[in-house]
Structure formats: structure tokens, C-alpha cells
Amino acid sequence: MITVTTNSLKKGTFIRLRNGWDAEIFDNMKGNTRLAKVYGFETEIGSVYSHDIVAQLNGIGGQVIARVEHTAAQLKCQQFANDLYSSLR
């Protein structure tokens, strides 16, 4: 399977999030967060962590066409978030 980075995902690309929800990228930015229209309990537009993007899809509910690789900075952000949330329990 091919791989892509979160920074290469362009506006209009369909993605799958770590929690299983599908979304559509709504910006062309790079970094630790991306703007996306998320199809979850409700459909809404908001920021998602780049480290929560796991796959590129060929449409909402579609087949996975690429696995997502994360940068070192995004993995560091993920570790920070995991440490922060685990300390709140």
C-alpha cells in the first residue's frame, strides 16, 4: 500500500481518523492541526490533530487508497497529548 504524509493532503481530500470517523480536508495548511469537515455523531467543521489522520480514502465511506505517515513533530505532539490526557484520569 502506498503512503502519504499529512502535509501532502490537499483541500478536498477524504480521510479516515483514528477513531474511525471519515472527514474531508478543508485547508491546504501543514503542521500539527488541520481543518476538516468531520462526519461523526454530527457533521461539523473544526480542527483535527494531524496525528489522528490514519488513511486517505477515495470518498466518504470509501476504500483506503493510502496509509498516512506522520512527521517527527506530529509524533511528538501525539506523545504530549497522550501524556496530558492520561494525567487527567
C-alpha atoms as a PDB file:
ATOM      1  CA  MET A   1       0.000   0.000   0.000  1.00  0.00           C
ATOM      2  CA  ILE A   2       1.248   3.483  -0.784  1.00  0.00           C
ATOM      3  CA  THR A   3       1.896   6.039   1.951  1.00  0.00           C
ATOM      4  CA  VAL A   4       1.393   9.809   2.106  1.00  0.00           C
ATOM      5  CA  THR A   5       2.248  12.442   4.679  1.00  0.00           C
ATOM      6  CA  THR A   6      -0.383  14.584   6.350  1.00  0.00           C
ATOM      7  CA  ASN A   7       1.345  17.647   4.910  1.00  0.00           C
ATOM      8  CA  SER A   8       0.684  16.400   1.366  1.00  0.00           C
ATOM      9  CA  LEU A   9      -3.095  16.099   1.875  1.00  0.00           C
ATOM     10  CA  LYS A  10      -4.824  18.898  -0.035  1.00  0.00           C
ATOM     11  CA  LYS A  11      -8.215  20.558   0.346  1.00  0.00           C
ATOM     12  CA  GLY A  12     -10.986  18.199  -0.745  1.00  0.00           C
ATOM     13  CA  THR A  13      -9.097  15.009   0.168  1.00  0.00           C
ATOM     14  CA  PHE A  14     -11.127  12.424   2.061  1.00  0.00           C
ATOM     15  CA  ILE A  15      -9.511  10.891   5.140  1.00  0.00           C
ATOM     16  CA  ARG A  16     -10.162   8.439   7.955  1.00  0.00           C
ATOM     17  CA  LEU A  17      -9.473   9.476  11.539  1.00  0.00           C
ATOM     18  CA  ARG A  18      -8.028   7.293  14.282  1.00  0.00           C
ATOM     19  CA  ASN A  19     -11.477   6.930  15.904  1.00  0.00           C
ATOM     20  CA  GLY A  20     -12.943   5.506  12.658  1.00  0.00           C
ATOM     21  CA  TRP A  21     -14.814   8.600  11.502  1.00  0.00           C
ATOM     22  CA  ASP A  22     -14.383   9.911   7.965  1.00  0.00           C
ATOM     23  CA  ALA A  23     -13.623  13.529   7.140  1.00  0.00           C
ATOM     24  CA  GLU A  24     -12.789  15.902   4.295  1.00  0.00           C
ATOM     25  CA  ILE A  25      -9.761  18.203   4.468  1.00  0.00           C
ATOM     26  CA  PHE A  26     -10.829  21.860   4.310  1.00  0.00           C
ATOM     27  CA  ASP A  27      -7.434  23.608   4.119  1.00  0.00           C
ATOM     28  CA  ASN A  28      -4.031  23.380   2.443  1.00  0.00           C
ATOM     29  CA  MET A  29      -2.040  24.009   5.613  1.00  0.00           C
ATOM     30  CA  LYS A  30       0.752  21.926   7.112  1.00  0.00           C
ATOM     31  CA  GLY A  31       1.597  21.124  10.716  1.00  0.00           C
ATOM     32  CA  ASN A  32       0.065  19.589  13.814  1.00  0.00           C
ATOM     33  CA  THR A  33      -3.566  20.509  13.113  1.00  0.00           C
ATOM     34  CA  ARG A  34      -5.736  20.520  10.010  1.00  0.00           C
ATOM     35  CA  LEU A  35      -9.177  21.959   9.318  1.00  0.00           C
ATOM     36  CA  ALA A  36     -11.643  19.234   8.349  1.00  0.00           C
ATOM     37  CA  LYS A  37     -15.329  18.550   7.874  1.00  0.00           C
ATOM     38  CA  VAL A  38     -15.874  15.544  10.133  1.00  0.00           C
ATOM     39  CA  TYR A  39     -18.702  13.084   9.589  1.00  0.00           C
ATOM     40  CA  GLY A  40     -19.188  11.761  13.141  1.00  0.00           C
ATOM     41  CA  PHE A  41     -22.155  11.891  15.521  1.00  0.00           C
ATOM     42  CA  GLU A  42     -22.864  15.200  13.819  1.00  0.00           C
ATOM     43  CA  THR A  43     -21.294  16.701  10.725  1.00  0.00           C
ATOM     44  CA  GLU A  44     -19.177  19.705  11.641  1.00  0.00           C
ATOM     45  CA  ILE A  45     -16.078  21.603  10.570  1.00  0.00           C
ATOM     46  CA  GLY A  46     -13.207  22.023  13.006  1.00  0.00           C
ATOM     47  CA  SER A  47      -9.566  21.363  13.735  1.00  0.00           C
ATOM     48  CA  VAL A  48      -8.245  17.821  13.997  1.00  0.00           C
ATOM     49  CA  TYR A  49      -4.796  16.746  15.114  1.00  0.00           C
ATOM     50  CA  SER A  50      -2.674  15.589  12.188  1.00  0.00           C
ATOM     51  CA  HIS A  51      -1.570  12.544  14.191  1.00  0.00           C
ATOM     52  CA  ASP A  52      -5.232  11.412  14.274  1.00  0.00           C
ATOM     53  CA  ILE A  53      -5.336  11.114  10.462  1.00  0.00           C
ATOM     54  CA  VAL A  54      -4.576   7.489   9.579  1.00  0.00           C
ATOM     55  CA  ALA A  55      -5.629   6.984   5.941  1.00  0.00           C
ATOM     56  CA  GLN A  56      -6.564   8.676   2.673  1.00  0.00           C
ATOM     57  CA  LEU A  57      -9.866   7.492   1.180  1.00  0.00           C
ATOM     58  CA  ASN A  58     -11.398   7.578  -2.285  1.00  0.00           C
ATOM     59  CA  GLY A  59     -14.590   9.111  -0.821  1.00  0.00           C
ATOM     60  CA  ILE A  60     -16.675   9.231   2.339  1.00  0.00           C
ATOM     61  CA  GLY A  61     -17.079   5.645   3.490  1.00  0.00           C
ATOM     62  CA  GLY A  62     -14.803   4.615   0.645  1.00  0.00           C
ATOM     63  CA  GLN A  63     -11.809   2.365   0.276  1.00  0.00           C
ATOM     64  CA  VAL A  64      -8.427   3.223   1.789  1.00  0.00           C
ATOM     65  CA  ILE A  65      -6.071   4.273  -1.005  1.00  0.00           C
ATOM     66  CA  ALA A  66      -3.064   5.321   1.095  1.00  0.00           C
ATOM     67  CA  ARG A  67      -1.761   4.939   4.619  1.00  0.00           C
ATOM     68  CA  VAL A  68      -0.679   8.167   6.347  1.00  0.00           C
ATOM     69  CA  GLU A  69       2.825   8.642   7.763  1.00  0.00           C
ATOM     70  CA  HIS A  70       3.450  11.310  10.388  1.00  0.00           C
ATOM     71  CA  THR A  71       6.381  13.667  10.837  1.00  0.00           C
ATOM     72  CA  ALA A  72       8.582  13.582  13.933  1.00  0.00           C
ATOM     73  CA  ALA A  73       6.948  16.810  15.145  1.00  0.00           C
ATOM     74  CA  GLN A  74       3.464  15.301  14.779  1.00  0.00           C
ATOM     75  CA  LEU A  75       4.502  12.185  16.700  1.00  0.00           C
ATOM     76  CA  LYS A  76       5.962  14.403  19.439  1.00  0.00           C
ATOM     77  CA  CYS A  77       2.636  16.281  19.588  1.00  0.00           C
ATOM     78  CA  GLN A  78       0.800  12.943  19.860  1.00  0.00           C
ATOM     79  CA  GLN A  79       3.012  11.852  22.766  1.00  0.00           C
ATOM     80  CA  PHE A  80       2.434  15.190  24.513  1.00  0.00           C
ATOM     81  CA  ALA A  81      -1.352  14.864  24.086  1.00  0.00           C
ATOM     82  CA  ASN A  82      -1.299  11.255  25.325  1.00  0.00           C
ATOM     83  CA  ASP A  83       0.722  12.255  28.394  1.00  0.00           C
ATOM     84  CA  LEU A  84      -1.560  15.213  29.093  1.00  0.00           C
ATOM     85  CA  TYR A  85      -4.796  13.250  28.800  1.00  0.00           C
ATOM     86  CA  SER A  86      -3.502  10.298  30.847  1.00  0.00           C
ATOM     87  CA  SER A  87      -2.558  12.665  33.683  1.00  0.00           C
ATOM     88  CA  LEU A  88      -6.176  13.870  33.843  1.00  0.00           C
ATOM     89  CA  ARG A  89      -7.557  10.413  34.614  1.00  0.00           C
END
